[in-house]
């Protein structure tokens, strides 16, 4: 049965993923585009990040469940995982 220690570990990893400036910019941009999200090329252009660097950041966010990805033909569409972000905020405010 998961406990508070498990939640602390889990959300520490989520915060570490979001904590790098480029990844925080990605999350903010995806939240602004919620719920439709953005394709990777549009993210790259908007943030002025090379596709390979952006791919690294998106993968890190995806691994921690912060962003979701789905294939649309030849494109990858990324969306903010609002459920995960809401859980993170509920965890942070649990003792308030």
N, C-alpha and C. Protein backbone atom coordinates (compact mmCIF):
# COMPACT_ATOMS: atom_id res chain seq x y z
N UNK A 1 0.84 -1.18 0.00
CA UNK A 1 0.00 0.00 0.00
C UNK A 1 0.89 1.24 0.00
N UNK A 2 0.70 2.12 -1.01
CA UNK A 2 1.55 3.31 -1.09
C UNK A 2 1.32 4.24 0.10
N UNK A 3 2.39 4.84 0.55
CA UNK A 3 2.30 5.77 1.65
C UNK A 3 2.84 7.13 1.27
N UNK A 4 2.95 8.00 2.27
CA UNK A 4 3.41 9.35 2.03
C UNK A 4 4.84 9.36 1.50
N UNK A 5 5.67 8.41 1.97
CA UNK A 5 7.06 8.34 1.47
C UNK A 5 7.08 8.08 -0.03
N UNK A 6 6.19 7.19 -0.49
CA UNK A 6 6.10 6.90 -1.93
C UNK A 6 5.68 8.14 -2.71
N UNK A 7 4.73 8.90 -2.16
CA UNK A 7 4.28 10.13 -2.81
C UNK A 7 5.40 11.15 -2.87
N UNK A 8 6.14 11.29 -1.78
CA UNK A 8 7.25 12.25 -1.76
C UNK A 8 8.26 11.88 -2.84
N UNK A 9 8.61 10.61 -2.93
CA UNK A 9 9.57 10.16 -3.93
C UNK A 9 9.05 10.42 -5.34
N UNK A 10 7.81 10.06 -5.57
CA UNK A 10 7.21 10.23 -6.89
C UNK A 10 7.17 11.70 -7.30
N UNK A 11 6.67 12.55 -6.41
CA UNK A 11 6.53 13.96 -6.78
C UNK A 11 7.87 14.70 -6.79
N UNK A 12 8.85 14.22 -6.07
CA UNK A 12 10.20 14.80 -6.16
C UNK A 12 10.74 14.58 -7.57
N UNK A 13 10.48 13.42 -8.15
CA UNK A 13 10.92 13.14 -9.52
C UNK A 13 10.17 14.01 -10.52
N UNK A 14 8.89 14.23 -10.29
CA UNK A 14 8.10 15.10 -11.16
C UNK A 14 8.64 16.52 -11.10
N UNK A 15 8.88 17.00 -9.89
CA UNK A 15 9.40 18.37 -9.74
C UNK A 15 10.78 18.52 -10.35
N UNK A 16 11.61 17.49 -10.24
CA UNK A 16 12.94 17.53 -10.84
C UNK A 16 12.83 17.61 -12.36
N UNK A 17 11.87 16.89 -12.92
CA UNK A 17 11.67 16.93 -14.37
C UNK A 17 11.21 18.31 -14.82
N UNK A 18 10.32 18.93 -14.07
CA UNK A 18 9.80 20.24 -14.42
C UNK A 18 10.82 21.34 -14.10
N UNK A 19 11.76 21.04 -13.20
CA UNK A 19 12.64 22.06 -12.64
C UNK A 19 13.66 22.68 -13.57
N UNK A 20 13.93 22.07 -14.70
CA UNK A 20 14.86 22.69 -15.65
C UNK A 20 14.12 23.75 -16.44
N UNK A 21 14.76 24.88 -16.67
CA UNK A 21 14.08 26.00 -17.34
C UNK A 21 13.43 25.63 -18.67
N UNK A 22 14.11 24.92 -19.57
CA UNK A 22 13.44 24.59 -20.84
C UNK A 22 12.20 23.72 -20.64
N UNK A 23 12.26 22.80 -19.69
CA UNK A 23 11.11 21.92 -19.46
C UNK A 23 9.96 22.68 -18.81
N UNK A 24 10.26 23.61 -17.95
CA UNK A 24 9.20 24.45 -17.36
C UNK A 24 8.54 25.28 -18.46
N UNK A 25 9.33 25.79 -19.38
CA UNK A 25 8.77 26.54 -20.51
C UNK A 25 7.86 25.65 -21.36
N UNK A 26 8.27 24.41 -21.58
CA UNK A 26 7.45 23.45 -22.33
C UNK A 26 6.12 23.24 -21.62
N UNK A 27 6.16 22.99 -20.32
CA UNK A 27 4.93 22.73 -19.56
C UNK A 27 4.00 23.93 -19.62
N UNK A 28 4.54 25.12 -19.44
CA UNK A 28 3.70 26.33 -19.49
C UNK A 28 3.06 26.50 -20.86
N UNK A 29 3.83 26.26 -21.90
CA UNK A 29 3.31 26.39 -23.26
C UNK A 29 2.21 25.35 -23.52
N UNK A 30 2.44 24.12 -23.06
CA UNK A 30 1.43 23.08 -23.25
C UNK A 30 0.18 23.36 -22.43
N UNK A 31 0.34 23.94 -21.25
CA UNK A 31 -0.84 24.31 -20.46
C UNK A 31 -1.62 25.41 -21.15
N UNK A 32 -0.92 26.35 -21.77
CA UNK A 32 -1.59 27.42 -22.50
C UNK A 32 -2.35 26.87 -23.70
N UNK A 33 -1.88 25.77 -24.27
CA UNK A 33 -2.51 25.16 -25.44
C UNK A 33 -3.48 24.04 -25.05
N UNK A 34 -3.73 23.88 -23.76
CA UNK A 34 -4.57 22.80 -23.27
C UNK A 34 -6.02 23.03 -23.69
N UNK A 35 -6.78 22.05 -24.08
CA UNK A 35 -6.47 20.63 -24.07
C UNK A 35 -5.90 20.12 -25.38
N UNK A 36 -5.84 20.95 -26.42
CA UNK A 36 -5.42 20.47 -27.73
C UNK A 36 -3.96 20.10 -27.86
N UNK A 37 -3.11 20.78 -27.07
CA UNK A 37 -1.68 20.52 -27.14
C UNK A 37 -1.05 21.09 -28.39
N UNK A 38 0.19 20.70 -28.63
CA UNK A 38 0.96 21.19 -29.77
C UNK A 38 1.78 20.06 -30.36
N UNK A 39 2.04 20.17 -31.67
CA UNK A 39 2.94 19.20 -32.27
C UNK A 39 4.37 19.61 -31.96
N UNK A 40 5.27 18.64 -32.00
CA UNK A 40 6.65 18.87 -31.59
C UNK A 40 7.30 20.00 -32.39
N UNK A 41 7.04 20.06 -33.69
CA UNK A 41 7.64 21.12 -34.51
C UNK A 41 7.22 22.51 -34.08
N UNK A 42 5.96 22.65 -33.69
CA UNK A 42 5.48 23.95 -33.21
C UNK A 42 6.12 24.31 -31.87
N UNK A 43 6.28 23.32 -31.00
CA UNK A 43 6.97 23.56 -29.73
C UNK A 43 8.40 24.01 -29.97
N UNK A 44 9.08 23.32 -30.86
CA UNK A 44 10.47 23.65 -31.17
C UNK A 44 10.59 25.07 -31.69
N UNK A 45 9.71 25.45 -32.60
CA UNK A 45 9.75 26.80 -33.17
C UNK A 45 9.41 27.85 -32.13
N UNK A 46 8.39 27.59 -31.35
CA UNK A 46 7.94 28.57 -30.34
C UNK A 46 9.00 28.81 -29.27
N UNK A 47 9.69 27.75 -28.88
CA UNK A 47 10.67 27.86 -27.80
C UNK A 47 12.09 28.09 -28.30
N UNK A 48 12.27 28.05 -29.63
CA UNK A 48 13.60 28.21 -30.24
C UNK A 48 14.58 27.20 -29.65
N UNK A 49 14.14 25.94 -29.64
CA UNK A 49 14.95 24.82 -29.16
C UNK A 49 15.10 23.85 -30.31
N UNK A 50 16.30 23.34 -30.52
CA UNK A 50 16.51 22.38 -31.62
C UNK A 50 15.64 21.14 -31.38
N UNK A 51 15.21 20.50 -32.46
CA UNK A 51 14.36 19.31 -32.30
C UNK A 51 14.99 18.22 -31.44
N UNK A 52 16.29 18.01 -31.56
CA UNK A 52 16.92 16.94 -30.77
C UNK A 52 16.93 17.30 -29.28
N UNK A 53 17.20 18.56 -28.97
CA UNK A 53 17.19 18.99 -27.56
C UNK A 53 15.77 18.95 -27.01
N UNK A 54 14.81 19.40 -27.79
CA UNK A 54 13.42 19.37 -27.37
C UNK A 54 12.98 17.93 -27.12
N UNK A 55 13.38 17.02 -27.99
CA UNK A 55 13.03 15.62 -27.83
C UNK A 55 13.51 15.09 -26.49
N UNK A 56 14.72 15.45 -26.11
CA UNK A 56 15.27 15.04 -24.81
C UNK A 56 14.39 15.56 -23.67
N UNK A 57 14.04 16.84 -23.72
CA UNK A 57 13.22 17.44 -22.66
C UNK A 57 11.82 16.82 -22.62
N UNK A 58 11.22 16.62 -23.79
CA UNK A 58 9.88 16.02 -23.83
C UNK A 58 9.90 14.59 -23.30
N UNK A 59 10.94 13.86 -23.61
CA UNK A 59 11.04 12.48 -23.11
C UNK A 59 11.13 12.46 -21.59
N UNK A 60 11.91 13.36 -21.04
CA UNK A 60 12.03 13.43 -19.57
C UNK A 60 10.68 13.75 -18.93
N UNK A 61 9.96 14.70 -19.51
CA UNK A 61 8.63 15.05 -18.99
C UNK A 61 7.64 13.90 -19.17
N UNK A 62 7.74 13.21 -20.29
CA UNK A 62 6.85 12.07 -20.54
C UNK A 62 7.11 10.94 -19.56
N UNK A 63 8.38 10.67 -19.28
CA UNK A 63 8.74 9.60 -18.34
C UNK A 63 8.13 9.83 -16.96
N UNK A 64 8.00 11.08 -16.56
CA UNK A 64 7.44 11.39 -15.24
C UNK A 64 5.94 11.65 -15.29
N UNK A 65 5.34 11.48 -16.47
CA UNK A 65 3.89 11.61 -16.59
C UNK A 65 3.40 13.04 -16.65
N UNK A 66 4.30 13.99 -16.89
CA UNK A 66 3.91 15.40 -16.93
C UNK A 66 3.28 15.75 -18.27
N UNK A 67 3.75 15.12 -19.34
CA UNK A 67 3.16 15.33 -20.65
C UNK A 67 2.74 13.99 -21.24
N UNK A 68 1.77 14.07 -22.11
CA UNK A 68 1.28 12.89 -22.84
C UNK A 68 1.58 13.12 -24.31
N UNK A 69 1.77 12.05 -25.05
CA UNK A 69 2.08 12.16 -26.47
C UNK A 69 1.21 11.19 -27.25
N UNK A 70 0.78 11.63 -28.42
CA UNK A 70 0.06 10.73 -29.33
C UNK A 70 0.50 11.04 -30.75
N UNK A 71 0.55 9.98 -31.55
CA UNK A 71 0.96 10.12 -32.94
C UNK A 71 -0.25 10.51 -33.77
N UNK A 72 -0.04 11.50 -34.63
CA UNK A 72 -1.05 11.92 -35.60
C UNK A 72 -0.40 11.89 -36.97
N UNK A 73 -0.51 10.79 -37.65
CA UNK A 73 0.17 10.63 -38.94
C UNK A 73 1.67 10.63 -38.71
N UNK A 74 2.34 11.61 -39.30
CA UNK A 74 3.80 11.71 -39.14
C UNK A 74 4.19 12.63 -38.00
N UNK A 75 3.21 13.22 -37.31
CA UNK A 75 3.48 14.18 -36.25
C UNK A 75 3.27 13.57 -34.87
N UNK A 76 3.97 14.11 -33.89
CA UNK A 76 3.74 13.77 -32.49
C UNK A 76 3.10 14.97 -31.83
N UNK A 77 1.94 14.77 -31.23
CA UNK A 77 1.23 15.85 -30.53
C UNK A 77 1.42 15.65 -29.03
N UNK A 78 1.88 16.70 -28.38
CA UNK A 78 2.12 16.67 -26.94
C UNK A 78 1.07 17.50 -26.22
N UNK A 79 0.60 16.99 -25.09
CA UNK A 79 -0.35 17.71 -24.25
C UNK A 79 0.13 17.64 -22.81
N UNK A 80 -0.22 18.65 -22.05
CA UNK A 80 0.06 18.62 -20.61
C UNK A 80 -0.85 17.58 -19.98
N UNK A 81 -0.32 16.81 -19.05
CA UNK A 81 -1.13 15.83 -18.33
C UNK A 81 -1.73 16.55 -17.12
N UNK A 82 -2.89 17.14 -17.34
CA UNK A 82 -3.54 17.94 -16.31
C UNK A 82 -3.82 17.12 -15.05
N UNK A 83 -4.16 15.85 -15.22
CA UNK A 83 -4.43 15.00 -14.05
C UNK A 83 -3.20 14.90 -13.15
N UNK A 84 -2.03 14.67 -13.76
CA UNK A 84 -0.79 14.57 -12.98
C UNK A 84 -0.48 15.90 -12.29
N UNK A 85 -0.65 16.99 -13.02
CA UNK A 85 -0.33 18.30 -12.43
C UNK A 85 -1.30 18.65 -11.30
N UNK A 86 -2.56 18.25 -11.44
CA UNK A 86 -3.53 18.47 -10.36
C UNK A 86 -3.16 17.64 -9.12
N UNK A 87 -2.73 16.40 -9.34
CA UNK A 87 -2.30 15.55 -8.22
C UNK A 87 -1.09 16.17 -7.52
N UNK A 88 -0.17 16.71 -8.29
CA UNK A 88 1.00 17.37 -7.71
C UNK A 88 0.56 18.54 -6.85
N UNK A 89 -0.34 19.37 -7.35
CA UNK A 89 -0.80 20.52 -6.56
C UNK A 89 -1.57 20.08 -5.31
N UNK A 90 -2.39 19.05 -5.43
CA UNK A 90 -3.11 18.54 -4.24
C UNK A 90 -2.11 18.03 -3.21
N UNK A 91 -1.06 17.35 -3.66
CA UNK A 91 -0.02 16.86 -2.75
C UNK A 91 0.67 18.04 -2.04
N UNK A 92 1.02 19.07 -2.81
CA UNK A 92 1.71 20.21 -2.22
C UNK A 92 0.85 20.98 -1.22
N UNK A 93 -0.47 21.02 -1.48
CA UNK A 93 -1.37 21.77 -0.62
C UNK A 93 -2.06 20.91 0.43
N UNK A 94 -1.71 19.64 0.53
CA UNK A 94 -2.40 18.70 1.42
C UNK A 94 -2.38 19.13 2.88
N UNK A 95 -1.33 19.77 3.30
CA UNK A 95 -1.20 20.14 4.72
C UNK A 95 -1.71 21.56 5.02
N UNK A 96 -2.22 22.24 4.00
CA UNK A 96 -2.70 23.62 4.20
C UNK A 96 -4.08 23.64 4.80
